[in-house]
Every structure is written in C-alpha cells, then in structure tokens.
Amino acid sequence: MEATNKAETKSGRGRQKAVSVNAEVPDSFEVKQLFISSALTMSWQMAIAVLVPIVGGYYLDQYFKTTPLITLLGMVAALALVILIVRKTIAELPDYTKTKGGKS
C-alpha cells in the first residue's frame, strides 16, 4: 500500500508536477501528441533565440562598424539560449520509465 501512495515531486520555476511511481504509461497516441507539441514549442523558441541575437548583432556591427565582434557575441548568446531551451524542454517532459513493477 505504501508504494502506491508514494509520489516524486519535480519542481521547476513555480510549477510542481507529481509523478506517481506506479503511474500507468499512456497510449502511443498520447505520447506522440506530447512529443509533437514539445517539438513545435521548442522549435519556435529556438528560432527566436537564434535569429534575434545574430541578426541584431549583425545590424549593431553595421551601425558601430565593429564587424564581426557583436555578431560573434550574438552567436555565443544564441548557443547558450539553445542549450537552455533544450534543457528546459527535456525537464518538462514526463518520465514514463517508472512503470508498475519496473525498476526505478
């Protein structure tokens, strides 16, 4: 009885998710839908995170005549933002590896 009442809590920036150790794995359609939703969200976030710093850096380089310094800094910022977006997306996905009777 204790095993069914135990739950792990994942906290992230004000949100908390309770994941039951014996949670039932959803069907294939739900998993595909969650994957597509996460991929689409991540893709538009990454597009903005890459385009804004690099294009902005290019135009600032043209204005200040510092080619390619600010553009390169924008590329570094874009790389850091992409890494943060991927980590955040992975952290928000539920963990379906913990199933009934399986190892945790």
C-alpha atoms as a PDB file:
ATOM      1  CA  MET A   1       0.000   0.000   0.000  1.00  0.00           C
ATOM      2  CA  GLU A   2       2.831   2.397   0.721  1.00  0.00           C
ATOM      3  CA  ALA A   3       4.252   2.023  -2.795  1.00  0.00           C
ATOM      4  CA  THR A   4       1.027   3.270  -4.409  1.00  0.00           C
ATOM      5  CA  ASN A   5       0.883   6.367  -2.191  1.00  0.00           C
ATOM      6  CA  LYS A   6       4.457   7.478  -2.798  1.00  0.00           C
ATOM      7  CA  ALA A   7       4.990  10.217  -5.343  1.00  0.00           C
ATOM      8  CA  GLU A   8       8.007  12.120  -6.518  1.00  0.00           C
ATOM      9  CA  THR A   9       7.679  15.852  -6.885  1.00  0.00           C
ATOM     10  CA  LYS A  10       9.538  17.716  -9.590  1.00  0.00           C
ATOM     11  CA  SER A  11       9.661  21.442  -9.066  1.00  0.00           C
ATOM     12  CA  GLY A  12      10.502  23.939 -11.705  1.00  0.00           C
ATOM     13  CA  ARG A  13      10.082  27.708 -11.627  1.00  0.00           C
ATOM     14  CA  GLY A  14       6.903  27.889  -9.613  1.00  0.00           C
ATOM     15  CA  ARG A  15       5.353  24.740 -11.024  1.00  0.00           C
ATOM     16  CA  GLN A  16       5.221  21.354  -9.389  1.00  0.00           C
ATOM     17  CA  LYS A  17       4.452  18.058 -11.050  1.00  0.00           C
ATOM     18  CA  ALA A  18       3.617  14.957  -9.089  1.00  0.00           C
ATOM     19  CA  VAL A  19       4.747  11.784 -10.807  1.00  0.00           C
ATOM     20  CA  SER A  20       3.476   8.563  -9.329  1.00  0.00           C
ATOM     21  CA  VAL A  21       5.991   5.740  -9.124  1.00  0.00           C
ATOM     22  CA  ASN A  22       3.343   3.292 -10.311  1.00  0.00           C
ATOM     23  CA  ALA A  23       1.858   5.600 -12.947  1.00  0.00           C
ATOM     24  CA  GLU A  24       0.331   3.931 -15.940  1.00  0.00           C
ATOM     25  CA  VAL A  25       2.053   4.541 -19.262  1.00  0.00           C
ATOM     26  CA  PRO A  26      -0.239   6.432 -21.666  1.00  0.00           C
ATOM     27  CA  ASP A  27      -1.098   5.009 -25.040  1.00  0.00           C
ATOM     28  CA  SER A  28       1.023   5.590 -28.126  1.00  0.00           C
ATOM     29  CA  PHE A  29      -1.169   8.391 -29.492  1.00  0.00           C
ATOM     30  CA  GLU A  30      -0.819  10.488 -26.329  1.00  0.00           C
ATOM     31  CA  VAL A  31       2.947  10.054 -26.312  1.00  0.00           C
ATOM     32  CA  LYS A  32       3.189  11.077 -29.983  1.00  0.00           C
ATOM     33  CA  GLN A  33       0.972  14.078 -29.350  1.00  0.00           C
ATOM     34  CA  LEU A  34       3.123  15.164 -26.393  1.00  0.00           C
ATOM     35  CA  PHE A  35       6.296  14.746 -28.475  1.00  0.00           C
ATOM     36  CA  ILE A  36       4.942  16.797 -31.389  1.00  0.00           C
ATOM     37  CA  SER A  37       3.691  19.522 -29.068  1.00  0.00           C
ATOM     38  CA  SER A  38       7.044  19.735 -27.277  1.00  0.00           C
ATOM     39  CA  ALA A  39       8.974  19.734 -30.571  1.00  0.00           C
ATOM     40  CA  LEU A  40       6.871  22.539 -32.049  1.00  0.00           C
ATOM     41  CA  THR A  41       7.173  24.661 -28.919  1.00  0.00           C
ATOM     42  CA  MET A  42      10.912  24.104 -28.773  1.00  0.00           C
ATOM     43  CA  SER A  43      11.375  24.886 -32.479  1.00  0.00           C
ATOM     44  CA  TRP A  44       9.791  28.351 -32.436  1.00  0.00           C
ATOM     45  CA  GLN A  45      11.629  29.214 -29.217  1.00  0.00           C
ATOM     46  CA  MET A  46      14.924  28.159 -30.794  1.00  0.00           C
ATOM     47  CA  ALA A  47      14.194  30.122 -33.979  1.00  0.00           C
ATOM     48  CA  ILE A  48      13.711  33.304 -31.975  1.00  0.00           C
ATOM     49  CA  ALA A  49      16.701  32.551 -29.724  1.00  0.00           C
ATOM     50  CA  VAL A  50      18.974  32.139 -32.754  1.00  0.00           C
ATOM     51  CA  LEU A  51      17.662  34.848 -35.075  1.00  0.00           C
ATOM     52  CA  VAL A  52      17.360  37.762 -32.659  1.00  0.00           C
ATOM     53  CA  PRO A  53      20.925  37.759 -31.239  1.00  0.00           C
ATOM     54  CA  ILE A  54      22.624  37.021 -34.569  1.00  0.00           C
ATOM     55  CA  VAL A  55      20.600  39.420 -36.745  1.00  0.00           C
ATOM     56  CA  GLY A  56      20.669  42.032 -34.002  1.00  0.00           C
ATOM     57  CA  GLY A  57      24.434  41.598 -33.690  1.00  0.00           C
ATOM     58  CA  TYR A  58      24.857  41.994 -37.447  1.00  0.00           C
ATOM     59  CA  TYR A  59      22.925  45.259 -37.527  1.00  0.00           C
ATOM     60  CA  LEU A  60      24.725  46.574 -34.447  1.00  0.00           C
ATOM     61  CA  ASP A  61      28.038  45.696 -36.117  1.00  0.00           C
ATOM     62  CA  GLN A  62      26.986  47.689 -39.187  1.00  0.00           C
ATOM     63  CA  TYR A  63      25.946  50.652 -37.035  1.00  0.00           C
ATOM     64  CA  PHE A  64      29.046  50.714 -34.790  1.00  0.00           C
ATOM     65  CA  LYS A  65      31.421  49.482 -37.536  1.00  0.00           C
ATOM     66  CA  THR A  66      32.755  46.681 -35.323  1.00  0.00           C
ATOM     67  CA  THR A  67      32.330  43.813 -37.803  1.00  0.00           C
ATOM     68  CA  PRO A  68      32.182  40.865 -36.763  1.00  0.00           C
ATOM     69  CA  LEU A  69      32.571  41.363 -32.995  1.00  0.00           C
ATOM     70  CA  ILE A  70      28.935  41.837 -31.940  1.00  0.00           C
ATOM     71  CA  THR A  71      27.724  39.210 -34.427  1.00  0.00           C
ATOM     72  CA  LEU A  72      30.081  36.657 -32.849  1.00  0.00           C
ATOM     73  CA  LEU A  73      28.859  37.620 -29.376  1.00  0.00           C
ATOM     74  CA  GLY A  74      25.308  37.142 -30.666  1.00  0.00           C
ATOM     75  CA  MET A  75      26.245  33.655 -31.892  1.00  0.00           C
ATOM     76  CA  VAL A  76      27.611  32.750 -28.456  1.00  0.00           C
ATOM     77  CA  ALA A  77      24.452  34.092 -26.814  1.00  0.00           C
ATOM     78  CA  ALA A  78      22.332  32.109 -29.297  1.00  0.00           C
ATOM     79  CA  LEU A  79      24.214  28.906 -28.467  1.00  0.00           C
ATOM     80  CA  ALA A  80      23.675  29.449 -24.744  1.00  0.00           C
ATOM     81  CA  LEU A  81      19.966  30.130 -25.282  1.00  0.00           C
ATOM     82  CA  VAL A  82      19.541  26.993 -27.414  1.00  0.00           C
ATOM     83  CA  ILE A  83      21.156  24.867 -24.698  1.00  0.00           C
ATOM     84  CA  LEU A  84      18.841  26.377 -22.073  1.00  0.00           C
ATOM     85  CA  ILE A  85      15.757  25.783 -24.233  1.00  0.00           C
ATOM     86  CA  VAL A  86      16.644  22.131 -24.868  1.00  0.00           C
ATOM     87  CA  ARG A  87      17.345  21.505 -21.162  1.00  0.00           C
ATOM     88  CA  LYS A  88      14.065  23.174 -20.162  1.00  0.00           C
ATOM     89  CA  THR A  89      12.064  21.162 -22.700  1.00  0.00           C
ATOM     90  CA  ILE A  90      13.604  17.872 -21.589  1.00  0.00           C
ATOM     91  CA  ALA A  91      12.999  18.709 -17.919  1.00  0.00           C
ATOM     92  CA  GLU A  92       9.317  19.395 -18.596  1.00  0.00           C
ATOM     93  CA  LEU A  93       8.687  16.049 -20.275  1.00  0.00           C
ATOM     94  CA  PRO A  94       7.140  13.419 -18.003  1.00  0.00           C
ATOM     95  CA  ASP A  95       9.192  10.371 -17.070  1.00  0.00           C
ATOM     96  CA  TYR A  96       7.466   7.230 -18.359  1.00  0.00           C
ATOM     97  CA  THR A  97      10.345   4.939 -17.418  1.00  0.00           C
ATOM     98  CA  LYS A  98       8.934   4.328 -13.952  1.00  0.00           C
ATOM     99  CA  THR A  99       6.178   1.809 -14.532  1.00  0.00           C
ATOM    100  CA  LYS A 100       4.339  -0.651 -12.372  1.00  0.00           C
ATOM    101  CA  GLY A 101       6.678  -3.412 -11.314  1.00  0.00           C
ATOM    102  CA  GLY A 102       9.666  -1.837 -13.080  1.00  0.00           C
ATOM    103  CA  LYS A 103      12.941  -0.661 -11.651  1.00  0.00           C
ATOM    104  CA  SER A 104      13.170   2.972 -10.620  1.00  0.00           C
END
